[in-house]
């Protein structure tokens, strides 16, 4: 298990999000949970380990505009026929700031 999954608290989100891969593949998905360093996603798009993707979150409680974050796929598992669960890593230098009261999130 990657160390970052144990190092940062995860918060359940269960919001729609959007994934896009550099080769042009795009998919509406579900953001299941979020931490300062990564995210858990449910999607109908199969992603490869170490694949770079862009995660876009509609978060009106933070910003009027969608928030976008580059991420690397660190694990991927098909949980049902065509439904995938993915673990994403934002990287040490690109963490998300999550306020102590957890009332809002902002991308750094």
PDB file of N, CA and C in Angstrom:
ATOM      1  N   UNK A   1       0.852  -1.174   0.000  1.00  0.00           N
ATOM      2  CA  UNK A   1       0.000   0.000   0.000  1.00  0.00           C
ATOM      3  C   UNK A   1       0.902   1.243   0.000  1.00  0.00           C
ATOM      4  N   UNK A   2       0.644   2.213  -0.892  1.00  0.00           N
ATOM      5  CA  UNK A   2       1.467   3.426  -0.912  1.00  0.00           C
ATOM      6  C   UNK A   2       1.376   4.175   0.412  1.00  0.00           C
ATOM      7  N   UNK A   3       2.512   4.723   0.838  1.00  0.00           N
ATOM      8  CA  UNK A   3       2.577   5.400   2.134  1.00  0.00           C
ATOM      9  C   UNK A   3       1.626   6.577   2.230  1.00  0.00           C
ATOM     10  N   UNK A   4       1.404   7.322   1.109  1.00  0.00           N
ATOM     11  CA  UNK A   4       0.556   8.503   1.193  1.00  0.00           C
ATOM     12  C   UNK A   4      -0.875   8.167   1.594  1.00  0.00           C
ATOM     13  N   UNK A   5      -1.349   6.967   1.297  1.00  0.00           N
ATOM     14  CA  UNK A   5      -2.713   6.596   1.676  1.00  0.00           C
ATOM     15  C   UNK A   5      -2.855   6.505   3.186  1.00  0.00           C
ATOM     16  N   UNK A   6      -1.780   6.249   3.879  1.00  0.00           N
ATOM     17  CA  UNK A   6      -1.819   6.164   5.333  1.00  0.00           C
ATOM     18  C   UNK A   6      -1.456   7.494   5.993  1.00  0.00           C
ATOM     19  N   UNK A   7      -0.859   8.406   5.232  1.00  0.00           N
ATOM     20  CA  UNK A   7      -0.333   9.642   5.804  1.00  0.00           C
ATOM     21  C   UNK A   7      -1.322  10.795   5.839  1.00  0.00           C
ATOM     22  N   UNK A   8      -2.395  10.725   5.080  1.00  0.00           N
ATOM     23  CA  UNK A   8      -3.340  11.836   4.978  1.00  0.00           C
ATOM     24  C   UNK A   8      -4.758  11.340   5.237  1.00  0.00           C
ATOM     25  N   UNK A   9      -5.518  12.111   5.998  1.00  0.00           N
ATOM     26  CA  UNK A   9      -6.916  11.769   6.243  1.00  0.00           C
ATOM     27  C   UNK A   9      -7.700  11.842   4.946  1.00  0.00           C
ATOM     28  N   UNK A  10      -8.618  10.892   4.774  1.00  0.00           N
ATOM     29  CA  UNK A  10      -9.483  10.888   3.604  1.00  0.00           C
ATOM     30  C   UNK A  10     -10.880  11.326   4.043  1.00  0.00           C
ATOM     31  N   UNK A  11     -11.508  12.131   3.179  1.00  0.00           N
ATOM     32  CA  UNK A  11     -12.849  12.635   3.452  1.00  0.00           C
ATOM     33  C   UNK A  11     -13.796  12.140   2.375  1.00  0.00           C
ATOM     34  N   UNK A  12     -14.926  11.570   2.799  1.00  0.00           N
ATOM     35  CA  UNK A  12     -15.933  11.105   1.839  1.00  0.00           C
ATOM     36  C   UNK A  12     -16.536  12.307   1.132  1.00  0.00           C
ATOM     37  N   UNK A  13     -16.635  12.215  -0.187  1.00  0.00           N
ATOM     38  CA  UNK A  13     -17.135  13.330  -0.981  1.00  0.00           C
ATOM     39  C   UNK A  13     -18.388  12.924  -1.746  1.00  0.00           C
ATOM     40  N   UNK A  14     -18.334  11.835  -2.514  1.00  0.00           N
ATOM     41  CA  UNK A  14     -19.451  11.327  -3.314  1.00  0.00           C
ATOM     42  C   UNK A  14     -20.090  12.409  -4.178  1.00  0.00           C
ATOM     43  N   UNK A  15     -19.257  13.028  -5.022  1.00  0.00           N
ATOM     44  CA  UNK A  15     -19.700  14.074  -5.949  1.00  0.00           C
ATOM     45  C   UNK A  15     -19.297  13.666  -7.359  1.00  0.00           C
ATOM     46  N   UNK A  16     -20.000  14.193  -8.316  1.00  0.00           N
ATOM     47  CA  UNK A  16     -19.599  13.937  -9.691  1.00  0.00           C
ATOM     48  C   UNK A  16     -18.302  14.685  -9.990  1.00  0.00           C
ATOM     49  N   UNK A  17     -17.528  14.119 -10.884  1.00  0.00           N
ATOM     50  CA  UNK A  17     -16.285  14.737 -11.322  1.00  0.00           C
ATOM     51  C   UNK A  17     -16.083  14.348 -12.783  1.00  0.00           C
ATOM     52  N   UNK A  18     -15.013  14.802 -13.353  1.00  0.00           N
ATOM     53  CA  UNK A  18     -14.738  14.572 -14.758  1.00  0.00           C
ATOM     54  C   UNK A  18     -13.276  14.178 -14.888  1.00  0.00           C
ATOM     55  N   UNK A  19     -12.999  13.076 -15.591  1.00  0.00           N
ATOM     56  CA  UNK A  19     -11.634  12.642 -15.849  1.00  0.00           C
ATOM     57  C   UNK A  19     -11.311  12.862 -17.318  1.00  0.00           C
ATOM     58  N   UNK A  20     -10.109  13.349 -17.594  1.00  0.00           N
ATOM     59  CA  UNK A  20      -9.657  13.428 -18.976  1.00  0.00           C
ATOM     60  C   UNK A  20      -8.207  12.980 -19.043  1.00  0.00           C
ATOM     61  N   UNK A  21      -7.916  12.144 -20.032  1.00  0.00           N
ATOM     62  CA  UNK A  21      -6.568  11.625 -20.249  1.00  0.00           C
ATOM     63  C   UNK A  21      -5.917  12.428 -21.378  1.00  0.00           C
ATOM     64  N   UNK A  22      -4.578  12.512 -21.382  1.00  0.00           N
ATOM     65  CA  UNK A  22      -3.874  13.298 -22.406  1.00  0.00           C
ATOM     66  C   UNK A  22      -4.207  12.898 -23.843  1.00  0.00           C
ATOM     67  N   UNK A  23      -4.523  11.630 -24.068  1.00  0.00           N
ATOM     68  CA  UNK A  23      -4.829  11.190 -25.435  1.00  0.00           C
ATOM     69  C   UNK A  23      -6.231  11.596 -25.889  1.00  0.00           C
ATOM     70  N   UNK A  24      -6.965  12.331 -25.041  1.00  0.00           N
ATOM     71  CA  UNK A  24      -8.268  12.859 -25.431  1.00  0.00           C
ATOM     72  C   UNK A  24      -9.462  12.122 -24.880  1.00  0.00           C
ATOM     73  N   UNK A  25      -9.259  11.013 -24.177  1.00  0.00           N
ATOM     74  CA  UNK A  25     -10.353  10.272 -23.584  1.00  0.00           C
ATOM     75  C   UNK A  25     -10.934  11.065 -22.416  1.00  0.00           C
ATOM     76  N   UNK A  26     -12.268  11.176 -22.363  1.00  0.00           N
ATOM     77  CA  UNK A  26     -12.938  11.925 -21.295  1.00  0.00           C
ATOM     78  C   UNK A  26     -14.070  11.087 -20.724  1.00  0.00           C
ATOM     79  N   UNK A  27     -14.330  11.237 -19.428  1.00  0.00           N
ATOM     80  CA  UNK A  27     -15.369  10.425 -18.788  1.00  0.00           C
ATOM     81  C   UNK A  27     -15.919  11.124 -17.552  1.00  0.00           C
ATOM     82  N   UNK A  28     -17.232  11.189 -17.454  1.00  0.00           N
ATOM     83  CA  UNK A  28     -17.873  11.634 -16.223  1.00  0.00           C
ATOM     84  C   UNK A  28     -17.709  10.508 -15.211  1.00  0.00           C
ATOM     85  N   UNK A  29     -17.371  10.838 -13.976  1.00  0.00           N
ATOM     86  CA  UNK A  29     -17.071   9.836 -12.955  1.00  0.00           C
ATOM     87  C   UNK A  29     -17.598  10.302 -11.608  1.00  0.00           C
ATOM     88  N   UNK A  30     -17.346   9.503 -10.577  1.00  0.00           N
ATOM     89  CA  UNK A  30     -17.742   9.841  -9.218  1.00  0.00           C
ATOM     90  C   UNK A  30     -16.483   9.966  -8.354  1.00  0.00           C
ATOM     91  N   UNK A  31     -16.346  11.093  -7.686  1.00  0.00           N
ATOM     92  CA  UNK A  31     -15.276  11.310  -6.725  1.00  0.00           C
ATOM     93  C   UNK A  31     -15.770  10.757  -5.393  1.00  0.00           C
ATOM     94  N   UNK A  32     -15.256   9.603  -4.971  1.00  0.00           N
ATOM     95  CA  UNK A  32     -15.713   8.946  -3.749  1.00  0.00           C
ATOM     96  C   UNK A  32     -15.104   9.576  -2.502  1.00  0.00           C
ATOM     97  N   UNK A  33     -13.792   9.807  -2.544  1.00  0.00           N
ATOM     98  CA  UNK A  33     -13.126  10.403  -1.392  1.00  0.00           C
ATOM     99  C   UNK A  33     -11.940  11.228  -1.849  1.00  0.00           C
ATOM    100  N   UNK A  34     -11.481  12.072  -0.932  1.00  0.00           N
ATOM    101  CA  UNK A  34     -10.434  13.031  -1.257  1.00  0.00           C
ATOM    102  C   UNK A  34      -9.537  13.212  -0.046  1.00  0.00           C
ATOM    103  N   UNK A  35      -8.250  13.326  -0.304  1.00  0.00           N
ATOM    104  CA  UNK A  35      -7.295  13.661   0.752  1.00  0.00           C
ATOM    105  C   UNK A  35      -6.389  14.755   0.219  1.00  0.00           C
ATOM    106  N   UNK A  36      -5.496  15.241   1.059  1.00  0.00           N
ATOM    107  CA  UNK A  36      -4.559  16.278   0.625  1.00  0.00           C
ATOM    108  C   UNK A  36      -3.700  15.789  -0.530  1.00  0.00           C
ATOM    109  N   UNK A  37      -3.435  14.508  -0.592  1.00  0.00           N
ATOM    110  CA  UNK A  37      -2.491  13.977  -1.580  1.00  0.00           C
ATOM    111  C   UNK A  37      -3.140  13.175  -2.700  1.00  0.00           C
ATOM    112  N   UNK A  38      -4.431  12.811  -2.602  1.00  0.00           N
ATOM    113  CA  UNK A  38      -5.016  11.973  -3.638  1.00  0.00           C
ATOM    114  C   UNK A  38      -6.523  11.880  -3.572  1.00  0.00           C
ATOM    115  N   UNK A  39      -7.059  10.989  -4.415  1.00  0.00           N
ATOM    116  CA  UNK A  39      -8.503  10.826  -4.511  1.00  0.00           C
ATOM    117  C   UNK A  39      -8.844   9.393  -4.889  1.00  0.00           C
ATOM    118  N   UNK A  40     -10.046   8.988  -4.504  1.00  0.00           N
ATOM    119  CA  UNK A  40     -10.616   7.716  -4.913  1.00  0.00           C
ATOM    120  C   UNK A  40     -11.739   7.997  -5.894  1.00  0.00           C
ATOM    121  N   UNK A  41     -11.729   7.325  -7.041  1.00  0.00           N
ATOM    122  CA  UNK A  41     -12.664   7.593  -8.136  1.00  0.00           C
ATOM    123  C   UNK A  41     -13.383   6.312  -8.550  1.00  0.00           C
ATOM    124  N   UNK A  42     -14.653   6.416  -8.904  1.00  0.00           N
ATOM    125  CA  UNK A  42     -15.391   5.353  -9.590  1.00  0.00           C
ATOM    126  C   UNK A  42     -15.645   5.832 -11.004  1.00  0.00           C
ATOM    127  N   UNK A  43     -15.352   4.968 -11.986  1.00  0.00           N
ATOM    128  CA  UNK A  43     -15.473   5.395 -13.376  1.00  0.00           C
ATOM    129  C   UNK A  43     -15.731   4.204 -14.291  1.00  0.00           C
ATOM    130  N   UNK A  44     -16.296   4.482 -15.441  1.00  0.00           N
ATOM    131  CA  UNK A  44     -16.444   3.468 -16.485  1.00  0.00           C
ATOM    132  C   UNK A  44     -15.264   3.513 -17.446  1.00  0.00           C
ATOM    133  N   UNK A  45     -14.237   4.296 -17.118  1.00  0.00           N
ATOM    134  CA  UNK A  45     -13.038   4.381 -17.941  1.00  0.00           C
ATOM    135  C   UNK A  45     -11.932   3.571 -17.276  1.00  0.00           C
ATOM    136  N   UNK A  46     -11.373   2.610 -18.002  1.00  0.00           N
ATOM    137  CA  UNK A  46     -10.236   1.849 -17.504  1.00  0.00           C
ATOM    138  C   UNK A  46      -8.992   2.726 -17.614  1.00  0.00           C
ATOM    139  N   UNK A  47      -8.219   2.806 -16.540  1.00  0.00           N
ATOM    140  CA  UNK A  47      -6.991   3.597 -16.523  1.00  0.00           C
ATOM    141  C   UNK A  47      -5.822   2.693 -16.161  1.00  0.00           C
ATOM    142  N   UNK A  48      -4.663   3.004 -16.701  1.00  0.00           N
ATOM    143  CA  UNK A  48      -3.460   2.215 -16.439  1.00  0.00           C
ATOM    144  C   UNK A  48      -2.681   2.798 -15.266  1.00  0.00           C
ATOM    145  N   UNK A  49      -2.006   1.939 -14.524  1.00  0.00           N
ATOM    146  CA  UNK A  49      -1.127   2.384 -13.452  1.00  0.00           C
ATOM    147  C   UNK A  49      -0.075   3.324 -14.058  1.00  0.00           C
ATOM    148  N   UNK A  50       0.219   4.411 -13.367  1.00  0.00           N
ATOM    149  CA  UNK A  50       1.164   5.459 -13.781  1.00  0.00           C
ATOM    150  C   UNK A  50       0.642   6.353 -14.901  1.00  0.00           C
ATOM    151  N   UNK A  51      -0.589   6.156 -15.338  1.00  0.00           N
ATOM    152  CA  UNK A  51      -1.175   7.030 -16.363  1.00  0.00           C
ATOM    153  C   UNK A  51      -1.434   8.407 -15.757  1.00  0.00           C
ATOM    154  N   UNK A  52      -1.161   9.447 -16.508  1.00  0.00           N
ATOM    155  CA  UNK A  52      -1.425  10.823 -16.079  1.00  0.00           C
ATOM    156  C   UNK A  52      -2.827  11.194 -16.548  1.00  0.00           C
ATOM    157  N   UNK A  53      -3.605  11.772 -15.658  1.00  0.00           N
ATOM    158  CA  UNK A  53      -4.954  12.211 -16.001  1.00  0.00           C
ATOM    159  C   UNK A  53      -5.197  13.584 -15.377  1.00  0.00           C
ATOM    160  N   UNK A  54      -6.272  14.214 -15.817  1.00  0.00           N
ATOM    161  CA  UNK A  54      -6.700  15.475 -15.228  1.00  0.00           C
ATOM    162  C   UNK A  54      -8.053  15.225 -14.560  1.00  0.00           C
ATOM    163  N   UNK A  55      -8.157  15.624 -13.301  1.00  0.00           N
ATOM    164  CA  UNK A  55      -9.383  15.480 -12.525  1.00  0.00           C
ATOM    165  C   UNK A  55     -10.024  16.852 -12.413  1.00  0.00           C
ATOM    166  N   UNK A  56     -11.294  16.957 -12.814  1.00  0.00           N
ATOM    167  CA  UNK A  56     -12.021  18.223 -12.718  1.00  0.00           C
ATOM    168  C   UNK A  56     -13.205  18.013 -11.787  1.00  0.00           C
ATOM    169  N   UNK A  57     -13.295  18.888 -10.785  1.00  0.00           N
ATOM    170  CA  UNK A  57     -14.335  18.786  -9.769  1.00  0.00           C
ATOM    171  C   UNK A  57     -15.192  20.046  -9.799  1.00  0.00           C
ATOM    172  N   UNK A  58     -16.501  19.858  -9.840  1.00  0.00           N
ATOM    173  CA  UNK A  58     -17.419  20.973  -9.668  1.00  0.00           C
ATOM    174  C   UNK A  58     -17.611  21.145  -8.170  1.00  0.00           C
ATOM    175  N   UNK A  59     -17.129  22.267  -7.639  1.00  0.00           N
ATOM    176  CA  UNK A  59     -17.189  22.489  -6.201  1.00  0.00           C
ATOM    177  C   UNK A  59     -17.676  23.905  -5.915  1.00  0.00           C
ATOM    178  N   UNK A  60     -18.976  24.151  -6.061  1.00  0.00           N
ATOM    179  CA  UNK A  60     -19.497  25.508  -5.874  1.00  0.00           C
ATOM    180  C   UNK A  60     -19.276  26.063  -4.472  1.00  0.00           C
ATOM    181  N   UNK A  61     -19.055  25.199  -3.480  1.00  0.00           N
ATOM    182  CA  UNK A  61     -18.798  25.666  -2.125  1.00  0.00           C
ATOM    183  C   UNK A  61     -17.379  26.226  -1.984  1.00  0.00           C
ATOM    184  N   UNK A  62     -16.531  26.024  -3.018  1.00  0.00           N
ATOM    185  CA  UNK A  62     -15.159  26.535  -3.016  1.00  0.00           C
ATOM    186  C   UNK A  62     -14.983  27.652  -4.036  1.00  0.00           C
ATOM    187  N   UNK A  63     -15.498  27.416  -5.233  1.00  0.00           N
ATOM    188  CA  UNK A  63     -15.233  28.319  -6.346  1.00  0.00           C
ATOM    189  C   UNK A  63     -16.388  28.286  -7.338  1.00  0.00           C
ATOM    190  N   UNK A  64     -16.597  29.389  -8.028  1.00  0.00           N
ATOM    191  CA  UNK A  64     -17.631  29.423  -9.069  1.00  0.00           C
ATOM    192  C   UNK A  64     -17.220  28.605 -10.282  1.00  0.00           C
ATOM    193  N   UNK A  65     -15.914  28.455 -10.461  1.00  0.00           N
ATOM    194  CA  UNK A  65     -15.390  27.694 -11.592  1.00  0.00           C
ATOM    195  C   UNK A  65     -15.010  26.288 -11.133  1.00  0.00           C
ATOM    196  N   UNK A  66     -15.005  25.343 -12.076  1.00  0.00           N
ATOM    197  CA  UNK A  66     -14.551  23.991 -11.766  1.00  0.00           C
ATOM    198  C   UNK A  66     -13.086  24.017 -11.358  1.00  0.00           C
ATOM    199  N   UNK A  67     -12.717  23.129 -10.463  1.00  0.00           N
ATOM    200  CA  UNK A  67     -11.333  22.989 -10.027  1.00  0.00           C
ATOM    201  C   UNK A  67     -10.691  21.841 -10.797  1.00  0.00           C
ATOM    202  N   UNK A  68      -9.467  22.044 -11.244  1.00  0.00           N
ATOM    203  CA  UNK A  68      -8.769  21.048 -12.045  1.00  0.00           C
ATOM    204  C   UNK A  68      -7.457  20.670 -11.374  1.00  0.00           C
ATOM    205  N   UNK A  69      -7.151  19.360 -11.373  1.00  0.00           N
ATOM    206  CA  UNK A  69      -5.943  18.870 -10.725  1.00  0.00           C
ATOM    207  C   UNK A  69      -5.329  17.752 -11.552  1.00  0.00           C
ATOM    208  N   UNK A  70      -4.024  17.826 -11.818  1.00  0.00           N
ATOM    209  CA  UNK A  70      -3.300  16.753 -12.481  1.00  0.00           C
ATOM    210  C   UNK A  70      -3.051  15.639 -11.466  1.00  0.00           C
ATOM    211  N   UNK A  71      -3.162  14.380 -11.907  1.00  0.00           N
ATOM    212  CA  UNK A  71      -2.966  13.248 -11.007  1.00  0.00           C
ATOM    213  C   UNK A  71      -2.351  12.075 -11.769  1.00  0.00           C
ATOM    214  N   UNK A  72      -1.770  11.167 -10.997  1.00  0.00           N
ATOM    215  CA  UNK A  72      -1.225   9.923 -11.528  1.00  0.00           C
ATOM    216  C   UNK A  72      -2.039   8.773 -10.949  1.00  0.00           C
ATOM    217  N   UNK A  73      -2.389   7.801 -11.777  1.00  0.00           N
ATOM    218  CA  UNK A  73      -3.118   6.616 -11.319  1.00  0.00           C
ATOM    219  C   UNK A  73      -2.128   5.724 -10.570  1.00  0.00           C
ATOM    220  N   UNK A  74      -2.398   5.461  -9.276  1.00  0.00           N
ATOM    221  CA  UNK A  74      -1.497   4.628  -8.482  1.00  0.00           C
ATOM    222  C   UNK A  74      -2.047   3.215  -8.274  1.00  0.00           C
ATOM    223  N   UNK A  75      -3.340   3.043  -8.416  1.00  0.00           N
ATOM    224  CA  UNK A  75      -3.925   1.708  -8.418  1.00  0.00           C
ATOM    225  C   UNK A  75      -5.247   1.748  -9.162  1.00  0.00           C
ATOM    226  N   UNK A  76      -5.643   0.603  -9.676  1.00  0.00           N
ATOM    227  CA  UNK A  76      -6.865   0.506 -10.467  1.00  0.00           C
ATOM    228  C   UNK A  76      -7.421  -0.909 -10.332  1.00  0.00           C
ATOM    229  N   UNK A  77      -8.739  -1.015 -10.155  1.00  0.00           N
ATOM    230  CA  UNK A  77      -9.359  -2.322  -9.971  1.00  0.00           C
ATOM    231  C   UNK A  77     -10.749  -2.311 -10.598  1.00  0.00           C
ATOM    232  N   UNK A  78     -11.037  -3.305 -11.410  1.00  0.00           N
ATOM    233  CA  UNK A  78     -12.388  -3.440 -11.960  1.00  0.00           C
ATOM    234  C   UNK A  78     -13.243  -4.092 -10.880  1.00  0.00           C
ATOM    235  N   UNK A  79     -14.292  -3.392 -10.436  1.00  0.00           N
ATOM    236  CA  UNK A  79     -15.121  -3.919  -9.350  1.00  0.00           C
ATOM    237  C   UNK A  79     -16.422  -4.531  -9.849  1.00  0.00           C
ATOM    238  N   UNK A  80     -16.757  -4.264 -11.096  1.00  0.00           N
ATOM    239  CA  UNK A  80     -17.940  -4.830 -11.722  1.00  0.00           C
ATOM    240  C   UNK A  80     -17.712  -4.744 -13.217  1.00  0.00           C
ATOM    241  N   UNK A  81     -18.519  -5.382 -13.991  1.00  0.00           N
ATOM    242  CA  UNK A  81     -18.353  -5.395 -15.443  1.00  0.00           C
ATOM    243  C   UNK A  81     -18.337  -3.967 -16.002  1.00  0.00           C
ATOM    244  N   UNK A  82     -17.142  -3.442 -16.282  1.00  0.00           N
ATOM    245  CA  UNK A  82     -17.011  -2.106 -16.850  1.00  0.00           C
ATOM    246  C   UNK A  82     -16.989  -0.974 -15.852  1.00  0.00           C
ATOM    247  N   UNK A  83     -17.084  -1.265 -14.551  1.00  0.00           N
ATOM    248  CA  UNK A  83     -17.004  -0.233 -13.521  1.00  0.00           C
ATOM    249  C   UNK A  83     -15.670  -0.373 -12.796  1.00  0.00           C
ATOM    250  N   UNK A  84     -14.904   0.709 -12.790  1.00  0.00           N
ATOM    251  CA  UNK A  84     -13.552   0.700 -12.238  1.00  0.00           C
ATOM    252  C   UNK A  84     -13.448   1.600 -11.018  1.00  0.00           C
ATOM    253  N   UNK A  85     -12.596   1.192 -10.098  1.00  0.00           N
ATOM    254  CA  UNK A  85     -12.237   2.004  -8.950  1.00  0.00           C
ATOM    255  C   UNK A  85     -10.758   2.346  -9.114  1.00  0.00           C
ATOM    256  N   UNK A  86     -10.421   3.637  -8.968  1.00  0.00           N
ATOM    257  CA  UNK A  86      -9.044   4.096  -9.169  1.00  0.00           C
ATOM    258  C   UNK A  86      -8.570   4.892  -7.969  1.00  0.00           C
ATOM    259  N   UNK A  87      -7.290   4.778  -7.672  1.00  0.00           N
ATOM    260  CA  UNK A  87      -6.634   5.606  -6.681  1.00  0.00           C
ATOM    261  C   UNK A  87      -5.721   6.580  -7.398  1.00  0.00           C
ATOM    262  N   UNK A  88      -5.878   7.864  -7.121  1.00  0.00           N
ATOM    263  CA  UNK A  88      -5.100   8.905  -7.780  1.00  0.00           C
ATOM    264  C   UNK A  88      -4.173   9.591  -6.793  1.00  0.00           C
ATOM    265  N   UNK A  89      -3.001   9.982  -7.267  1.00  0.00           N
ATOM    266  CA  UNK A  89      -2.014  10.689  -6.461  1.00  0.00           C
ATOM    267  C   UNK A  89      -1.723  12.029  -7.115  1.00  0.00           C
ATOM    268  N   UNK A  90      -1.834  13.115  -6.341  1.00  0.00           N
ATOM    269  CA  UNK A  90      -1.549  14.454  -6.859  1.00  0.00           C
ATOM    270  C   UNK A  90      -0.061  14.784  -6.810  1.00  0.00           C
ATOM    271  N   UNK A  91       0.701  14.078  -6.004  1.00  0.00           N
ATOM    272  CA  UNK A  91       2.127  14.341  -5.849  1.00  0.00           C
ATOM    273  C   UNK A  91       2.400  15.188  -4.623  1.00  0.00           C
ATOM    274  N   UNK A  92       3.576  15.031  -4.076  1.00  0.00           N
ATOM    275  CA  UNK A  92       3.970  15.735  -2.851  1.00  0.00           C
ATOM    276  C   UNK A  92       3.956  17.246  -3.022  1.00  0.00           C
ATOM    277  N   UNK A  93       4.313  17.740  -4.203  1.00  0.00           N
ATOM    278  CA  UNK A  93       4.402  19.186  -4.437  1.00  0.00           C
ATOM    279  C   UNK A  93       3.095  19.808  -4.920  1.00  0.00           C
ATOM    280  N   UNK A  94       2.035  19.017  -4.975  1.00  0.00           N
ATOM    281  CA  UNK A  94       0.777  19.518  -5.523  1.00  0.00           C
ATOM    282  C   UNK A  94      -0.417  19.088  -4.676  1.00  0.00           C
ATOM    283  N   UNK A  95      -0.250  19.124  -3.372  1.00  0.00           N
ATOM    284  CA  UNK A  95      -1.311  18.676  -2.468  1.00  0.00           C
ATOM    285  C   UNK A  95      -2.469  19.673  -2.438  1.00  0.00           C
ATOM    286  N   UNK A  96      -3.599  19.201  -1.936  1.00  0.00           N
ATOM    287  CA  UNK A  96      -4.787  20.018  -1.741  1.00  0.00           C
ATOM    288  C   UNK A  96      -4.800  20.481  -0.290  1.00  0.00           C
ATOM    289  N   UNK A  97      -5.121  21.740  -0.079  1.00  0.00           N
ATOM    290  CA  UNK A  97      -5.283  22.241   1.283  1.00  0.00           C
ATOM    291  C   UNK A  97      -6.702  21.927   1.745  1.00  0.00           C
ATOM    292  N   UNK A  98      -6.812  21.195   2.833  1.00  0.00           N
ATOM    293  CA  UNK A  98      -8.107  20.885   3.435  1.00  0.00           C
ATOM    294  C   UNK A  98      -8.132  21.563   4.800  1.00  0.00           C
ATOM    295  N   UNK A  99      -8.987  22.576   4.964  1.00  0.00           N
ATOM    296  CA  UNK A  99      -9.035  23.316   6.239  1.00  0.00           C
ATOM    297  C   UNK A  99      -9.361  22.387   7.404  1.00  0.00           C
ATOM    298  N   UNK A 100      -8.886  22.718   8.600  1.00  0.00           N
ATOM    299  CA  UNK A 100      -9.133  21.885   9.773  1.00  0.00           C
ATOM    300  C   UNK A 100     -10.598  21.635  10.058  1.00  0.00           C
ATOM    301  N   UNK A 101     -11.465  22.598   9.719  1.00  0.00           N
ATOM    302  CA  UNK A 101     -12.898  22.404   9.990  1.00  0.00           C
ATOM    303  C   UNK A 101     -13.599  21.615   8.889  1.00  0.00           C
ATOM    304  N   UNK A 102     -12.872  21.300   7.781  1.00  0.00           N
ATOM    305  CA  UNK A 102     -13.376  20.500   6.661  1.00  0.00           C
ATOM    306  C   UNK A 102     -14.610  21.086   5.999  1.00  0.00           C
ATOM    307  N   UNK A 103     -14.838  22.387   6.110  1.00  0.00           N
ATOM    308  CA  UNK A 103     -16.018  22.990   5.502  1.00  0.00           C
ATOM    309  C   UNK A 103     -15.781  23.378   4.054  1.00  0.00           C
ATOM    310  N   UNK A 104     -14.539  23.371   3.624  1.00  0.00           N
ATOM    311  CA  UNK A 104     -14.240  23.718   2.246  1.00  0.00           C
ATOM    312  C   UNK A 104     -12.907  23.130   1.856  1.00  0.00           C
ATOM    313  N   UNK A 105     -12.673  23.032   0.572  1.00  0.00           N
ATOM    314  CA  UNK A 105     -11.438  22.499   0.051  1.00  0.00           C
ATOM    315  C   UNK A 105     -10.905  23.469  -0.981  1.00  0.00           C
ATOM    316  N   UNK A 106      -9.597  23.582  -1.097  1.00  0.00           N
ATOM    317  CA  UNK A 106      -9.035  24.410  -2.156  1.00  0.00           C
ATOM    318  C   UNK A 106      -7.790  23.751  -2.709  1.00  0.00           C
ATOM    319  N   UNK A 107      -7.577  23.909  -3.982  1.00  0.00           N
ATOM    320  CA  UNK A 107      -6.408  23.325  -4.626  1.00  0.00           C
ATOM    321  C   UNK A 107      -5.247  24.286  -4.515  1.00  0.00           C
ATOM    322  N   UNK A 108      -4.061  23.759  -4.207  1.00  0.00           N
ATOM    323  CA  UNK A 108      -2.870  24.600  -4.098  1.00  0.00           C
ATOM    324  C   UNK A 108      -2.126  24.633  -5.416  1.00  0.00           C
TER     325      UNK A 108
END
